[in-house]
Amino acid sequence: MFKNASKPKMRKPIPAYKALAGYLKEASFSELAHVGANVITGSLGMKKPKIFAVGMNKAGTSSLHEIFVDNGYLSYHGIRWRSGRNKMLLNGFDCFSDGPPVDFKALDRGFPGSRFILNVREFDAWVLSRLKHITRDKKKRVGEIFPHDWDTTEEAIEIWLQERDRHHAEVMTYFKDRPDDLLIVNFIRDPDAARKVARFLGKLEPDSKPWANPASGRGGAPEHQVMLDAVLQRNGLDARDAKRDLIMRRSDANAGLPMDTSELDGAPIVEDPVQAAPARA
């Protein structure tokens, strides 16, 4: 009698070639030629240096993608590159963003000479932006299963706190003796972020900072703030601590590392302008 009962749906993975073809469906001839040349040289073992944005999603990744495109790079903004197994995609594009890869060290070994950007954001604004994004996704994907670490729960926030601290510390430690290969930037808070990225890439400095998602983080639900406050309290943290954009809790694994980008350039910690701004009508 339960044979036809509805079951929660899982999203089907998209094959590598379809992900690449779909992304390039509206590409220009020069872009197609660029990808083709990259794929061929990559398949022959001639790996070109890449640019990898290895920070968390909801931390200025869309704006970074715009900078890459504006500077003439073929940029892929999505999740299909993160596993490191999609060789066609990795060979075809120059820049990658929208969340951390499974193994950034393997990408560094696989594409010698590549440069890495650790894009960061204040913990509180980042969490609220993620919760808002997931809430919107749930309304669109009714009946689908959401993993426990990608949900609107206190458990998910706890996991994010731990994983964010671990990932940021791992990236900073790995590149500690290679400062020219890593840029740490808070694209949302730092008014000079676009210039820092341009200088890091050796490109002309932009006239202004791209703002790809101006509404990100605004208009969050009150219950999201309640969940965030509960997690902070359980971890002995307060609202001031939640403004840190690199590391929330000090541990042996991150001893000696900066906890906020303000420690890198001497600037004071200020409130995330996106979170502080009133919601648009």
Protein backbone atom coordinates (compact mmCIF):
# COMPACT_ATOMS: atom_id res chain seq x y z
CA MET A 1 0.00 0.00 0.00
CA PHE A 2 3.01 2.25 0.35
CA LYS A 3 4.32 1.49 -3.11
CA ASN A 4 3.37 4.85 -4.58
CA ALA A 5 3.96 6.93 -1.46
CA SER A 6 5.96 10.07 -2.13
CA LYS A 7 9.58 10.05 -0.97
CA PRO A 8 11.98 12.93 -0.36
CA LYS A 9 13.93 13.67 -3.50
CA MET A 10 17.69 13.90 -3.85
CA ARG A 11 19.27 16.20 -6.43
CA LYS A 12 20.92 14.27 -9.26
CA PRO A 13 24.54 15.19 -10.02
CA ILE A 14 25.24 16.81 -13.38
CA PRO A 15 27.91 15.07 -15.51
CA ALA A 16 31.12 17.04 -16.05
CA TYR A 17 30.65 17.57 -19.77
CA LYS A 18 27.09 18.82 -19.26
CA ALA A 19 28.21 21.27 -16.59
CA LEU A 20 30.84 22.66 -18.93
CA ALA A 21 28.56 22.73 -21.96
CA GLY A 22 25.77 24.42 -20.03
CA TYR A 23 28.08 27.09 -18.73
CA LEU A 24 29.41 27.88 -22.20
CA LYS A 25 26.07 27.72 -24.01
CA GLU A 26 26.03 31.49 -24.50
CA ALA A 27 29.81 31.98 -24.64
CA SER A 28 31.45 34.02 -27.38
CA PHE A 29 33.65 32.43 -30.03
CA SER A 30 36.80 33.72 -28.32
CA GLU A 31 35.68 32.23 -25.00
CA LEU A 32 34.99 28.87 -26.63
CA ALA A 33 38.41 28.98 -28.27
CA HIS A 34 39.97 29.86 -24.92
CA VAL A 35 38.31 26.91 -23.19
CA GLY A 36 39.18 24.56 -26.03
CA ALA A 37 42.84 25.53 -25.93
CA ASN A 38 42.94 25.15 -22.16
CA VAL A 39 41.30 21.72 -22.26
CA ILE A 40 43.70 20.46 -24.95
CA THR A 41 46.87 21.73 -23.26
CA GLY A 42 45.65 20.45 -19.90
CA SER A 43 44.90 17.00 -21.26
CA LEU A 44 48.45 16.90 -22.65
CA GLY A 45 49.86 17.55 -19.20
CA MET A 46 50.69 21.22 -19.77
CA LYS A 47 48.92 22.68 -16.75
CA LYS A 48 48.34 26.42 -16.75
CA PRO A 49 48.36 28.27 -13.41
CA LYS A 50 44.86 28.99 -12.10
CA ILE A 51 43.21 31.34 -9.64
CA PHE A 52 41.23 29.63 -6.90
CA ALA A 53 38.93 31.47 -4.48
CA VAL A 54 38.96 29.00 -1.59
CA GLY A 55 36.91 30.90 0.99
CA MET A 56 33.37 30.02 2.01
CA ASN A 57 30.35 30.80 -0.14
CA LYS A 58 28.24 33.83 0.88
CA ALA A 59 31.51 35.73 1.38
CA GLY A 60 31.85 37.88 -1.73
CA THR A 61 32.32 35.04 -4.22
CA SER A 62 29.95 36.53 -6.82
CA SER A 63 31.80 39.85 -6.69
CA LEU A 64 35.14 38.09 -7.08
CA HIS A 65 33.74 36.28 -10.10
CA GLU A 66 32.82 39.65 -11.62
CA ILE A 67 36.35 40.95 -11.09
CA PHE A 68 37.79 37.88 -12.79
CA VAL A 69 35.48 38.30 -15.79
CA ASP A 70 36.12 42.06 -16.02
CA ASN A 71 39.85 41.37 -16.18
CA GLY A 72 39.51 39.02 -19.12
CA TYR A 73 39.67 35.71 -17.28
CA LEU A 74 37.41 32.79 -18.12
CA SER A 75 35.79 32.34 -14.71
CA TYR A 76 33.67 29.48 -13.40
CA HIS A 77 31.34 30.37 -10.52
CA GLY A 78 29.65 27.23 -9.22
CA ILE A 79 30.17 24.01 -7.28
CA ARG A 80 31.25 21.50 -9.98
CA TRP A 81 34.98 22.20 -9.59
CA ARG A 82 35.20 21.66 -5.83
CA SER A 83 35.71 17.88 -5.86
CA GLY A 84 38.89 18.27 -7.91
CA ARG A 85 37.81 15.37 -10.13
CA ASN A 86 36.28 17.41 -12.95
CA LYS A 87 39.47 17.65 -15.03
CA MET A 88 37.73 19.05 -18.09
CA LEU A 89 36.28 21.92 -16.08
CA LEU A 90 39.51 22.59 -14.17
CA ASN A 91 41.57 22.60 -17.35
CA GLY A 92 39.06 24.69 -19.27
CA PHE A 93 38.66 27.71 -17.00
CA ASP A 94 41.13 30.17 -15.51
CA CYS A 95 39.39 31.09 -12.25
CA PHE A 96 37.12 29.26 -9.81
CA SER A 97 34.87 30.46 -7.00
CA ASP A 98 31.74 29.75 -4.92
CA GLY A 99 32.89 27.78 -1.91
CA PRO A 100 35.97 25.89 -0.72
CA PRO A 101 37.28 22.88 -2.65
CA VAL A 102 37.53 19.46 -1.06
CA ASP A 103 41.35 19.61 -1.21
CA PHE A 104 42.95 22.95 -2.06
CA LYS A 105 46.41 21.42 -1.52
CA ALA A 106 45.80 18.94 -4.33
CA LEU A 107 44.83 21.81 -6.63
CA ASP A 108 48.04 23.60 -5.68
CA ARG A 109 50.05 20.49 -6.57
CA GLY A 110 48.06 19.82 -9.73
CA PHE A 111 48.34 23.35 -11.09
CA PRO A 112 51.80 24.69 -10.15
CA GLY A 113 52.11 28.46 -10.00
CA SER A 114 48.44 28.99 -9.17
CA ARG A 115 47.28 31.74 -6.84
CA PHE A 116 44.72 31.47 -4.08
CA ILE A 117 42.27 33.94 -2.57
CA LEU A 118 40.84 33.31 0.90
CA ASN A 119 37.68 35.40 0.77
CA VAL A 120 36.22 35.93 4.24
CA ARG A 121 33.32 37.65 5.99
CA GLU A 122 32.28 38.42 9.57
CA PHE A 123 30.91 35.29 11.20
CA ASP A 124 27.52 36.71 12.18
CA ALA A 125 26.75 38.24 8.78
CA TRP A 126 28.00 35.13 7.01
CA VAL A 127 25.78 32.82 9.09
CA LEU A 128 22.68 34.97 8.61
CA SER A 129 23.30 35.14 4.87
CA ARG A 130 23.62 31.36 4.68
CA LEU A 131 20.44 30.81 6.68
CA LYS A 132 18.56 33.19 4.42
CA HIS A 133 19.89 31.40 1.33
CA ILE A 134 18.89 27.96 2.64
CA THR A 135 15.42 29.20 3.65
CA ARG A 136 14.90 30.43 0.10
CA ASP A 137 16.16 27.12 -1.31
CA LYS A 138 13.74 25.13 0.85
CA LYS A 139 10.80 27.06 -0.55
CA LYS A 140 11.93 26.25 -4.09
CA ARG A 141 12.83 22.61 -3.46
CA VAL A 142 9.94 21.31 -1.42
CA GLY A 143 10.33 17.63 -0.54
CA GLU A 144 14.09 17.47 -1.08
CA ILE A 145 16.45 16.23 1.61
CA PHE A 146 18.82 18.82 3.03
CA PRO A 147 21.98 17.52 4.75
CA HIS A 148 22.37 18.26 8.44
CA ASP A 149 25.27 20.62 7.76
CA TRP A 150 23.26 22.66 5.24
CA ASP A 151 20.06 23.45 7.11
CA THR A 152 18.41 26.18 9.17
CA THR A 153 19.30 24.69 12.56
CA GLU A 154 21.60 25.41 15.48
CA GLU A 155 23.37 22.15 14.71
CA ALA A 156 24.28 23.44 11.26
CA ILE A 157 25.61 26.72 12.69
CA GLU A 158 27.77 24.77 15.16
CA ILE A 159 29.23 22.77 12.28
CA TRP A 160 29.87 25.94 10.26
CA LEU A 161 31.72 27.52 13.17
CA GLN A 162 34.00 24.51 13.55
CA GLU A 163 34.57 23.96 9.83
CA ARG A 164 35.21 27.65 9.15
CA ASP A 165 37.83 27.91 11.90
CA ARG A 166 39.50 24.70 10.71
CA HIS A 167 39.52 25.67 7.04
CA HIS A 168 40.78 29.23 7.55
CA ALA A 169 43.56 28.00 9.84
CA GLU A 170 44.55 25.26 7.39
CA VAL A 171 44.79 27.68 4.46
CA MET A 172 46.76 30.31 6.40
CA THR A 173 49.15 27.71 7.79
CA TYR A 174 49.73 26.08 4.40
CA PHE A 175 50.67 29.37 2.73
CA LYS A 176 52.54 30.94 5.66
CA ASP A 177 55.87 30.74 3.80
CA ARG A 178 54.34 31.69 0.43
CA PRO A 179 52.71 35.09 1.03
CA ASP A 180 52.79 35.98 -2.67
CA ASP A 181 50.52 33.05 -3.51
CA LEU A 182 47.70 33.85 -1.06
CA LEU A 183 45.48 36.91 -0.69
CA ILE A 184 43.23 37.13 2.36
CA VAL A 185 40.45 39.63 1.77
CA ASN A 186 37.11 40.61 3.28
CA PHE A 187 35.47 41.72 0.08
CA ILE A 188 32.31 42.94 1.75
CA ARG A 189 33.81 44.98 4.58
CA ASP A 190 37.03 46.27 3.02
CA PRO A 191 36.49 49.30 0.72
CA ASP A 192 39.91 48.62 -0.83
CA ALA A 193 39.17 44.95 -1.55
CA ALA A 194 38.80 45.26 -5.33
CA ARG A 195 42.13 47.06 -5.63
CA LYS A 196 43.82 44.42 -3.49
CA VAL A 197 42.47 41.68 -5.75
CA ALA A 198 43.55 43.55 -8.89
CA ARG A 199 47.06 44.10 -7.55
CA PHE A 200 47.26 40.45 -6.51
CA LEU A 201 46.36 39.42 -10.06
CA GLY A 202 48.69 42.00 -11.60
CA LYS A 203 45.79 43.77 -13.29
CA LEU A 204 44.67 47.38 -13.58
CA GLU A 205 42.91 48.67 -10.50
CA PRO A 206 39.12 49.07 -10.93
CA ASP A 207 37.36 52.40 -10.58
CA SER A 208 34.91 50.95 -8.07
CA LYS A 209 34.16 47.74 -6.20
CA PRO A 210 31.72 45.35 -7.92
CA TRP A 211 28.71 44.58 -5.77
CA ALA A 212 27.20 41.43 -7.21
CA ASN A 213 24.78 40.62 -4.36
CA PRO A 214 23.86 43.89 -2.60
CA ALA A 215 20.91 42.27 -0.81
CA SER A 216 22.90 39.35 0.60
CA GLY A 217 22.50 39.21 4.35
CA ARG A 218 19.67 41.75 4.53
CA GLY A 219 16.20 41.13 5.79
CA GLY A 220 16.98 37.93 7.72
CA ALA A 221 14.33 36.21 9.81
CA PRO A 222 14.34 37.03 13.57
CA GLU A 223 14.52 33.33 14.43
CA HIS A 224 17.85 33.12 12.60
CA GLN A 225 19.36 35.69 14.93
CA VAL A 226 17.99 33.76 17.92
CA MET A 227 19.70 30.57 16.72
CA LEU A 228 22.96 32.40 16.11
CA ASP A 229 22.89 33.99 19.57
CA ALA A 230 22.28 30.58 21.17
CA VAL A 231 25.28 29.06 19.41
CA LEU A 232 27.50 31.99 20.35
CA GLN A 233 26.46 31.73 24.00
CA ARG A 234 27.12 27.98 24.14
CA ASN A 235 30.63 28.57 22.83
CA GLY A 236 31.41 31.40 25.24
CA LEU A 237 31.29 34.02 22.49
CA ASP A 238 29.53 37.37 22.30
CA ALA A 239 28.40 39.84 19.63
CA ARG A 240 31.85 41.43 19.44
CA ASP A 241 33.48 38.05 18.83
CA ALA A 242 30.96 37.39 16.06
CA LYS A 243 32.47 40.26 14.05
CA ARG A 244 35.67 38.30 13.49
CA ASP A 245 36.11 37.22 9.90
CA LEU A 246 38.91 34.65 10.19
CA ILE A 247 38.86 32.62 13.40
CA MET A 248 36.24 32.55 16.14
CA ARG A 249 37.87 30.38 18.82
CA ARG A 250 41.55 30.17 19.71
CA SER A 251 43.05 26.64 19.77
CA ASP A 252 46.37 24.86 19.41
CA ALA A 253 45.62 24.38 15.71
CA ASN A 254 45.36 28.13 15.04
CA ALA A 255 47.73 29.51 17.68
CA GLY A 256 49.57 32.56 16.40
CA LEU A 257 47.27 33.07 13.42
CA PRO A 258 45.23 36.28 13.01
CA MET A 259 41.61 36.06 14.11
CA ASP A 260 40.47 38.95 11.92
CA THR A 261 41.73 40.63 8.75
CA SER A 262 42.05 43.87 10.72
CA GLU A 263 45.16 42.28 12.25
CA LEU A 264 46.70 42.04 8.78
CA ASP A 265 46.52 45.72 7.91
CA GLY A 266 45.96 47.41 11.27
CA ALA A 267 42.42 48.54 10.42
CA PRO A 268 39.79 48.51 13.19
CA ILE A 269 37.01 45.94 13.15
CA VAL A 270 33.89 47.55 11.74
CA GLU A 271 30.39 46.30 11.16
CA ASP A 272 29.56 44.48 7.96
CA PRO A 273 27.97 47.19 5.76
CA VAL A 274 25.57 44.69 4.21
CA GLN A 275 24.28 43.47 7.55
CA ALA A 276 24.11 47.00 8.97
CA ALA A 277 22.23 48.48 6.03
CA PRO A 278 18.43 48.60 6.21
CA ALA A 279 16.55 46.17 4.03
CA ARG A 280 15.34 47.53 0.73
CA ALA A 281 11.65 47.75 0.15
